[in-house]
Amino acid sequence: MNRIYLDYASATPVMPEVRQAMAGAMEAFGNPSSLHAAGREAGQALERARGQVAALIGAKSEEIYFTSCGTESNNWAIRGLLAANKRKGNHLIVSSIEHPSILLLAKRFEREGADVTYLPVTSEGLVEPQALKEALTPATVLVSIMHANGEIGTIEPIAELATMAKGAGAFFHTDAVASAGHVPVDVKPLGVDALSIAANQFYGPSGVAALYLREGVRALPLLEGGGQETGARSGTENVLGIIGMGVAAELARTQMTSRAAHASRLRDRLKEGLLQRLEGVRLNGSWSARLPHNLHLCIEGVSSESLVLGLDAQGIAVGIGSACNSKAMRPSHVLKAMGLSDDEAKGALLLTVGVPTSEQEIDRCLEVLPKVASQLRNVTAMTLAK
């Protein structure tokens, strides 16, 4: 049985060009901090990758700092900016649909005495600028609102929100892990002070990510040590991973238009096919401002876990929501923030297509998913009848 992968929101395969670059770099084993030839060679490769990542988001090379994952980038941005600017106040604003790496951190700061505002979202998962305007105070230090939600696919009006925050004297961070490499992300027109991205979301290796910090913006380090990354992020650099991230970023930048067209075409084929073949389907998220590869829906009368396992038994891998939180088996905080009840949210399913996805795989999913959902509904009905 040929397996079908439709969970690109949780992880993407490494592109052949990325694997090749990383394999070739195995010979460059020097430490970038060393002064000898091997160290200089590693350092040059690292800086080349820094430039490639910077180009993906329209930044300067010196504004890019490598980290281990999107969670670290998010934590560093929140902790670092708040710590460096605590004289201004202790007010933090986040949206109610942020990734757990931001929401859980906000909860911690709240327990420690910070003033935290959680912005509501519309039924499509959009943060309304008016809500931010009303939440801003002279004590607001930082606003953190994600560029796109990786679960429901909605893209937020970051440029407008950032302008509003900056007008009130607050810094603005955006988590662009779900969007960078899939849609245009340019830090200059967005007007953000900090931005997080991760390589494993655009066909690079896991275990490497980056934080953009606008030139002149000060954020205290999250890690203390040997002073790598110009003293901002200590720890020996993951040179192989960074090289892979650089190549993946360059491929994403040059192939973005064709990738997006391919993804949106297959996603729409999947969406229309499911609506025709299966009753009781609810589509979630905005369709006017959406990631091109994302299809999120709720199927009435079944549970998410049963759907994922039933499809996996048929050779099809799909997701539920945030891969970082999927094992908790709780109703999605994103769907609840959008107004869905626990019962409405329990059949949530996330299907994301990728560069390797084919029309034949979409058609196979359209054949299998309605059958699995119907079988599970029958089992539920018989169980309730007993």
Protein backbone atom coordinates (compact mmCIF):
# COMPACT_ATOMS: atom_id res chain seq x y z
CA MET A 1 0.00 0.00 0.00
CA ASN A 2 1.41 3.36 -1.06
CA ARG A 3 1.00 5.72 1.86
CA ILE A 4 -0.38 9.22 1.33
CA TYR A 5 0.89 12.10 3.45
CA LEU A 6 -1.49 15.04 4.01
CA ASP A 7 -0.01 16.45 7.22
CA TYR A 8 2.47 19.01 5.87
CA ALA A 9 1.45 21.49 8.58
CA SER A 10 3.20 19.37 11.20
CA ALA A 11 6.33 18.51 9.21
CA THR A 12 7.59 18.62 5.64
CA PRO A 13 10.02 16.24 3.94
CA VAL A 14 13.53 17.51 3.29
CA MET A 15 14.02 18.52 -0.34
CA PRO A 16 16.70 16.62 -2.34
CA GLU A 17 18.71 19.81 -2.82
CA VAL A 18 18.67 20.37 0.93
CA ARG A 19 19.82 16.82 1.65
CA GLN A 20 22.59 17.19 -0.91
CA ALA A 21 23.82 20.45 0.61
CA MET A 22 23.78 19.00 4.12
CA ALA A 23 25.58 15.84 3.00
CA GLY A 24 28.29 17.92 1.35
CA ALA A 25 28.63 20.00 4.50
CA MET A 26 29.44 16.93 6.57
CA GLU A 27 33.07 17.56 5.61
CA ALA A 28 32.91 21.09 7.04
CA PHE A 29 32.99 19.94 10.65
CA GLY A 30 34.80 22.94 12.08
CA ASN A 31 33.36 25.14 14.82
CA PRO A 32 32.36 28.54 13.39
CA SER A 33 33.93 30.22 16.42
CA SER A 34 37.38 28.75 15.68
CA LEU A 35 40.01 30.90 13.99
CA HIS A 36 41.63 28.18 11.88
CA ALA A 37 40.71 27.26 8.30
CA ALA A 38 38.13 24.61 9.25
CA GLY A 39 36.39 27.08 11.55
CA ARG A 40 36.44 29.83 8.94
CA GLU A 41 34.93 27.46 6.37
CA ALA A 42 32.09 26.56 8.73
CA GLY A 43 31.58 30.23 9.57
CA GLN A 44 31.36 31.19 5.91
CA ALA A 45 28.76 28.49 5.28
CA LEU A 46 26.75 29.71 8.27
CA GLU A 47 26.79 33.31 7.04
CA ARG A 48 25.81 32.24 3.54
CA ALA A 49 22.78 30.49 5.01
CA ARG A 50 21.98 33.54 7.11
CA GLY A 51 21.78 35.59 3.92
CA GLN A 52 19.51 33.02 2.28
CA VAL A 53 17.12 33.03 5.24
CA ALA A 54 17.17 36.83 5.38
CA ALA A 55 16.25 37.03 1.68
CA LEU A 56 13.19 34.84 2.26
CA ILE A 57 11.64 37.44 4.58
CA GLY A 58 13.17 40.65 3.19
CA ALA A 59 15.51 41.19 6.13
CA LYS A 60 19.18 42.08 6.50
CA SER A 61 21.55 39.22 7.29
CA GLU A 62 22.55 40.82 10.58
CA GLU A 63 18.90 40.80 11.68
CA ILE A 64 18.69 36.97 11.56
CA TYR A 65 19.55 34.83 14.60
CA PHE A 66 19.48 31.06 14.41
CA THR A 67 17.64 29.01 17.05
CA SER A 68 16.65 25.38 17.56
CA CYS A 69 12.91 25.60 16.78
CA GLY A 70 9.93 27.90 16.42
CA THR A 71 9.11 27.47 20.09
CA GLU A 72 12.53 28.81 21.08
CA SER A 73 12.19 31.74 18.69
CA ASN A 74 8.77 32.60 20.12
CA ASN A 75 9.96 32.27 23.72
CA TRP A 76 13.02 34.39 23.05
CA ALA A 77 10.99 37.13 21.37
CA ILE A 78 8.45 37.36 24.20
CA ARG A 79 10.84 36.96 27.11
CA GLY A 80 13.62 39.02 25.56
CA LEU A 81 11.54 42.00 24.52
CA LEU A 82 9.62 42.17 27.79
CA ALA A 83 12.80 41.89 29.87
CA ALA A 84 14.64 44.54 27.86
CA ASN A 85 11.78 47.02 28.11
CA LYS A 86 10.29 46.38 31.55
CA ARG A 87 10.68 50.05 32.50
CA LYS A 88 7.92 50.87 30.06
CA GLY A 89 5.40 48.59 31.78
CA ASN A 90 4.28 45.00 32.10
CA HIS A 91 1.39 44.77 29.64
CA LEU A 92 1.47 42.02 27.01
CA ILE A 93 -1.15 41.53 24.29
CA VAL A 94 -1.57 38.23 22.42
CA SER A 95 -4.37 36.73 20.38
CA SER A 96 -6.49 33.91 21.79
CA ILE A 97 -5.44 31.56 18.95
CA GLU A 98 -1.65 31.74 19.31
CA HIS A 99 0.57 28.67 19.33
CA PRO A 100 0.98 27.06 22.80
CA SER A 101 4.58 28.32 22.93
CA ILE A 102 3.14 31.83 23.22
CA LEU A 103 -0.11 31.22 25.09
CA LEU A 104 1.49 29.11 27.82
CA LEU A 105 4.25 31.67 28.23
CA ALA A 106 1.67 34.45 28.50
CA LYS A 107 -0.12 32.47 31.21
CA ARG A 108 3.16 32.12 33.10
CA PHE A 109 3.81 35.87 32.93
CA GLU A 110 0.25 36.46 34.10
CA ARG A 111 0.80 34.23 37.15
CA GLU A 112 3.96 36.19 37.89
CA GLY A 113 2.06 39.47 37.96
CA ALA A 114 2.11 40.73 34.38
CA ASP A 115 -0.96 42.26 32.79
CA VAL A 116 -1.93 40.10 29.80
CA THR A 117 -4.73 40.74 27.32
CA TYR A 118 -6.01 37.90 25.12
CA LEU A 119 -7.61 39.33 22.00
CA PRO A 120 -10.77 37.62 20.68
CA VAL A 121 -11.13 36.50 17.07
CA THR A 122 -14.00 36.39 14.63
CA SER A 123 -15.74 33.19 13.52
CA GLU A 124 -13.10 33.01 10.75
CA GLY A 125 -10.22 33.32 13.21
CA LEU A 126 -9.34 36.93 12.38
CA VAL A 127 -8.09 39.48 14.90
CA GLU A 128 -9.99 42.70 14.37
CA PRO A 129 -7.89 45.89 14.50
CA GLN A 130 -10.52 47.60 16.66
CA ALA A 131 -10.03 44.97 19.36
CA LEU A 132 -6.30 45.70 19.44
CA LYS A 133 -6.89 49.45 19.47
CA GLU A 134 -9.10 49.13 22.53
CA ALA A 135 -6.59 46.89 24.32
CA LEU A 136 -3.51 49.10 23.89
CA THR A 137 -2.43 51.18 26.91
CA PRO A 138 0.61 53.35 27.73
CA ALA A 139 1.97 50.33 29.65
CA THR A 140 1.79 47.96 26.67
CA VAL A 141 5.29 46.70 25.95
CA LEU A 142 4.64 44.03 23.35
CA VAL A 143 1.95 42.73 21.02
CA SER A 144 2.36 39.21 19.61
CA ILE A 145 -0.07 38.05 16.94
CA MET A 146 0.71 35.20 14.55
CA HIS A 147 1.00 35.90 10.84
CA ALA A 148 -1.06 32.83 9.96
CA ASN A 149 -2.68 30.15 12.04
CA GLY A 150 -1.27 26.76 11.09
CA GLU A 151 -4.41 24.98 12.22
CA ILE A 152 -7.21 26.83 10.42
CA GLY A 153 -5.05 28.56 7.77
CA THR A 154 -6.28 32.11 8.40
CA ILE A 155 -3.79 34.89 7.57
CA GLU A 156 -3.99 37.90 9.91
CA PRO A 157 -3.83 41.62 8.88
CA ILE A 158 -0.40 41.99 10.46
CA ALA A 159 0.66 45.22 8.72
CA GLU A 160 -2.40 47.07 10.02
CA LEU A 161 -2.09 45.58 13.50
CA ALA A 162 1.64 46.32 13.72
CA THR A 163 1.12 49.94 12.64
CA MET A 164 -1.48 50.34 15.38
CA ALA A 165 0.80 48.84 18.02
CA LYS A 166 3.79 50.94 16.96
CA GLY A 167 1.62 54.05 17.10
CA ALA A 168 1.02 53.29 20.77
CA GLY A 169 4.73 52.80 21.41
CA ALA A 170 4.60 49.00 21.69
CA PHE A 171 6.83 46.43 20.02
CA PHE A 172 5.26 43.90 17.65
CA HIS A 173 6.22 40.24 17.23
CA THR A 174 4.63 37.80 14.81
CA ASP A 175 4.90 34.03 14.69
CA ALA A 176 5.32 33.30 10.97
CA VAL A 177 6.25 29.64 11.39
CA ALA A 178 3.14 28.48 9.53
CA SER A 179 3.37 31.01 6.71
CA ALA A 180 7.03 31.71 5.86
CA GLY A 181 7.97 29.85 2.71
CA HIS A 182 4.33 29.36 1.66
CA VAL A 183 3.16 32.95 1.13
CA PRO A 184 5.10 36.22 0.82
CA VAL A 185 6.42 37.35 4.20
CA ASP A 186 8.36 40.63 4.08
CA VAL A 187 9.31 42.21 7.38
CA LYS A 188 9.52 45.73 6.00
CA PRO A 189 5.93 46.20 4.73
CA LEU A 190 4.67 44.12 7.64
CA GLY A 191 6.35 46.60 9.98
CA VAL A 192 7.19 44.05 12.67
CA ASP A 193 10.01 44.23 15.20
CA ALA A 194 10.45 40.47 15.57
CA LEU A 195 9.39 37.44 13.55
CA SER A 196 9.77 33.68 14.06
CA ILE A 197 10.27 31.05 11.34
CA ALA A 198 11.19 27.34 11.32
CA ALA A 199 12.92 25.29 8.61
CA ASN A 200 10.80 22.14 8.95
CA GLN A 201 7.76 24.06 7.70
CA PHE A 202 9.29 24.77 4.26
CA TYR A 203 11.08 21.50 3.41
CA GLY A 204 14.16 22.04 5.53
CA PRO A 205 15.47 19.98 8.45
CA SER A 206 13.92 19.82 11.90
CA GLY A 207 15.82 21.27 14.84
CA VAL A 208 16.70 24.61 13.27
CA ALA A 209 14.78 27.89 13.10
CA ALA A 210 15.39 31.61 13.25
CA LEU A 211 14.29 34.79 14.91
CA TYR A 212 14.30 38.09 13.04
CA LEU A 213 15.02 41.09 15.25
CA ARG A 214 14.74 44.46 13.55
CA GLU A 215 17.97 46.43 13.61
CA GLY A 216 18.02 48.61 16.71
CA VAL A 217 15.55 46.47 18.66
CA ARG A 218 16.97 45.09 21.88
CA ALA A 219 15.89 41.73 23.30
CA LEU A 220 17.72 40.15 26.21
CA PRO A 221 19.23 36.72 25.45
CA LEU A 222 17.32 33.59 26.31
CA LEU A 223 20.52 31.54 26.59
CA GLU A 224 23.77 32.66 28.21
CA GLY A 225 27.08 31.09 27.34
CA GLY A 226 29.86 31.43 24.80
CA GLY A 227 28.47 34.45 23.01
CA GLN A 228 27.57 32.93 19.65
CA GLU A 229 25.22 34.79 17.27
CA THR A 230 26.95 38.08 18.20
CA GLY A 231 26.19 37.40 21.85
CA ALA A 232 22.43 37.21 21.33
CA ARG A 233 22.00 33.42 21.36
CA SER A 234 24.78 31.39 22.94
CA GLY A 235 25.40 27.75 22.09
CA THR A 236 27.41 26.04 19.37
CA GLU A 237 25.57 26.51 16.11
CA ASN A 238 23.85 23.62 14.34
CA VAL A 239 25.90 24.22 11.19
CA LEU A 240 24.48 21.31 9.20
CA GLY A 241 20.91 22.25 10.03
CA ILE A 242 21.54 25.92 9.31
CA ILE A 243 23.04 25.09 5.91
CA GLY A 244 19.95 23.01 5.18
CA MET A 245 17.66 25.82 6.31
CA GLY A 246 19.46 28.25 4.04
CA VAL A 247 19.02 26.10 0.94
CA ALA A 248 15.39 25.38 1.86
CA ALA A 249 14.77 29.11 2.26
CA GLU A 250 16.27 29.88 -1.14
CA LEU A 251 14.15 27.18 -2.80
CA ALA A 252 11.03 28.44 -1.04
CA ARG A 253 11.70 31.99 -2.18
CA THR A 254 12.32 31.12 -5.83
CA GLN A 255 9.57 28.49 -6.11
CA MET A 256 6.90 30.12 -3.94
CA THR A 257 4.53 31.13 -6.74
CA SER A 258 4.49 27.72 -8.43
CA ARG A 259 4.25 25.88 -5.12
CA ALA A 260 1.31 28.00 -3.98
CA ALA A 261 -0.55 27.49 -7.26
CA HIS A 262 -0.04 23.71 -7.04
CA ALA A 263 -1.13 23.59 -3.40
CA SER A 264 -4.23 25.75 -3.75
CA ARG A 265 -5.41 23.79 -6.80
CA LEU A 266 -5.16 20.46 -4.99
CA ARG A 267 -6.60 21.87 -1.77
CA ASP A 268 -9.65 23.19 -3.62
CA ARG A 269 -10.06 19.86 -5.42
CA LEU A 270 -10.07 18.15 -2.04
CA LYS A 271 -12.47 20.65 -0.51
CA GLU A 272 -15.04 20.50 -3.32
CA GLY A 273 -14.83 16.72 -3.49
CA LEU A 274 -15.47 16.28 0.21
CA LEU A 275 -18.40 18.70 0.21
CA GLN A 276 -19.96 16.69 -2.63
CA ARG A 277 -19.36 13.27 -1.09
CA LEU A 278 -19.91 13.82 2.62
CA GLU A 279 -22.70 15.45 4.59
CA GLY A 280 -22.21 17.28 7.86
CA VAL A 281 -18.95 18.99 6.92
CA ARG A 282 -18.06 22.42 8.32
CA LEU A 283 -15.19 24.41 6.77
CA ASN A 284 -13.12 26.46 9.19
CA GLY A 285 -11.06 29.61 8.75
CA SER A 286 -11.07 32.45 6.26
CA TRP A 287 -11.28 31.70 2.54
CA SER A 288 -10.30 35.18 1.42
CA ALA A 289 -7.09 35.28 3.52
CA ARG A 290 -5.78 31.74 3.76
CA LEU A 291 -2.65 29.61 3.47
CA PRO A 292 -2.70 27.92 0.03
CA HIS A 293 -2.07 24.39 1.29
CA ASN A 294 -4.48 24.33 4.24
CA LEU A 295 -7.90 22.66 4.51
CA HIS A 296 -9.43 22.53 7.99
CA LEU A 297 -12.87 21.09 8.59
CA CYS A 298 -15.10 19.51 11.20
CA ILE A 299 -17.02 16.33 10.38
CA GLU A 300 -20.23 15.87 12.32
CA GLY A 301 -20.84 12.71 14.30
CA VAL A 302 -17.26 11.43 14.62
CA SER A 303 -14.19 12.19 16.73
CA SER A 304 -10.93 13.59 15.40
CA GLU A 305 -8.85 10.80 16.93
CA SER A 306 -11.02 8.07 15.36
CA LEU A 307 -10.78 9.76 11.96
CA VAL A 308 -7.00 10.10 12.13
CA LEU A 309 -6.53 6.48 13.19
CA GLY A 310 -9.11 5.18 10.69
CA LEU A 311 -7.43 7.03 7.82
CA ASP A 312 -3.99 5.95 8.98
CA ALA A 313 -5.14 2.32 8.80
CA GLN A 314 -5.99 3.01 5.15
CA GLY A 315 -2.55 4.52 4.49
CA ILE A 316 -3.48 8.21 4.71
CA ALA A 317 -1.78 10.52 7.23
CA VAL A 318 -3.72 13.63 8.27
CA GLY A 319 -3.61 15.99 11.24
CA ILE A 320 -5.93 17.40 13.87
CA GLY A 321 -4.43 20.78 14.65
CA SER A 322 -1.18 21.88 16.22
CA ALA A 323 1.19 18.91 16.18
CA CYS A 324 2.69 20.29 19.41
CA ASN A 325 -0.63 19.90 21.19
CA SER A 326 -2.38 17.03 19.35
CA LYS A 327 -1.68 14.38 21.99
CA ALA A 328 -3.59 16.35 24.61
CA MET A 329 -6.88 15.13 23.07
CA ARG A 330 -8.67 18.31 24.11
CA PRO A 331 -10.98 20.43 21.94
CA SER A 332 -8.90 22.91 19.95
CA HIS A 333 -8.44 26.24 21.72
CA VAL A 334 -8.46 27.83 18.27
CA LEU A 335 -11.89 26.45 17.38
CA LYS A 336 -13.27 27.33 20.80
CA ALA A 337 -12.00 30.89 20.42
CA MET A 338 -13.87 31.03 17.10
CA GLY A 339 -17.10 30.16 18.91
CA LEU A 340 -17.41 26.42 18.25
CA SER A 341 -18.77 24.23 21.03
CA ASP A 342 -16.87 21.18 22.27
CA ASP A 343 -19.30 18.97 20.37
CA GLU A 344 -18.88 20.93 17.14
CA ALA A 345 -15.09 20.88 17.44
CA LYS A 346 -14.67 17.20 18.26
CA GLY A 347 -14.61 16.07 14.62
CA ALA A 348 -11.87 18.50 13.56
CA LEU A 349 -9.53 17.39 10.79
CA LEU A 350 -6.57 19.20 9.23
CA LEU A 351 -5.51 18.21 5.72
CA THR A 352 -2.49 19.96 4.26
CA VAL A 353 -1.00 19.31 0.84
CA GLY A 354 2.60 19.72 -0.24
CA VAL A 355 4.96 19.86 -3.17
CA PRO A 356 4.99 16.03 -3.59
CA THR A 357 1.17 15.72 -3.41
CA SER A 358 -0.46 14.43 -6.60
CA GLU A 359 -3.99 14.53 -8.02
CA GLN A 360 -4.10 10.75 -7.69
CA GLU A 361 -3.45 11.04 -3.96
CA ILE A 362 -6.22 13.62 -3.60
CA ASP A 363 -8.62 11.35 -5.48
CA ARG A 364 -7.66 8.42 -3.26
CA CYS A 365 -8.37 10.53 -0.18
CA LEU A 366 -11.75 11.52 -1.64
CA GLU A 367 -12.53 7.84 -2.07
CA VAL A 368 -11.43 6.75 1.40
CA LEU A 369 -12.29 9.59 3.79
CA PRO A 370 -16.10 9.57 3.26
CA LYS A 371 -16.14 5.79 3.73
CA VAL A 372 -14.15 5.99 6.97
CA ALA A 373 -16.37 8.79 8.29
CA SER A 374 -19.55 6.82 7.42
CA GLN A 375 -18.24 3.68 9.12
CA LEU A 376 -17.37 5.61 12.26
CA ARG A 377 -20.79 7.26 12.29
CA ASN A 378 -22.42 3.83 12.07
CA VAL A 379 -20.33 2.55 14.96
CA THR A 380 -21.29 5.59 17.04
CA ALA A 381 -24.96 5.15 16.21
CA MET A 382 -24.92 1.45 17.18
CA THR A 383 -23.10 2.25 20.42
CA LEU A 384 -25.67 4.88 21.38
CA ALA A 385 -28.53 2.51 20.49
CA LYS A 386 -27.38 -0.14 23.00
